[in-house]
Structures are given as structure tokens and as C-alpha cells.
């Protein structure tokens, strides 16, 4: 992992994650997600069912490996 920018605790850059659909075709669940979490900041991940919240968090904790992009701690 690389170092984050000085003002960030976590920095996400151009995160992409795909999964195959029932026919084996790739479906992009995370599409170039980018954000920073700064010290003492509270972040909420909101969205409807199936929009990628758990996928994003699983990428952040290392349970899933992103197809593209960077996660900097």
C-alpha cells in the first residue's frame, strides 16, 4: 500500500470492481469510485439494495481485491 495524501487517512482512487452475471458477462458494480477520509471525519455509505455498499467495504478491508484503482491507507 502507498502513503495517503497528507490530509487523508484513507484515499480511494478510481476503484473498479466487476462480477460476472448469470451468463458470465462482467457487470461493473463499482465504477471509478473516488473519495478521501480525513482525520476526525465521519463518513456514511448510503444507497439502495445491490448498489455496491458491501462490495466497497469489502474492498476497503481487503476481503475483495479491486479490478482497478487504488486504496491508500
Foldseek 3Di string as FASTA:
>chain_A
DDADPPFFPKWWFQFWAWDADPVGDTDILDGGDTDGHGPPDDDDDDDDPSNCPVVVVCCVVVVDPTPDTDMHD
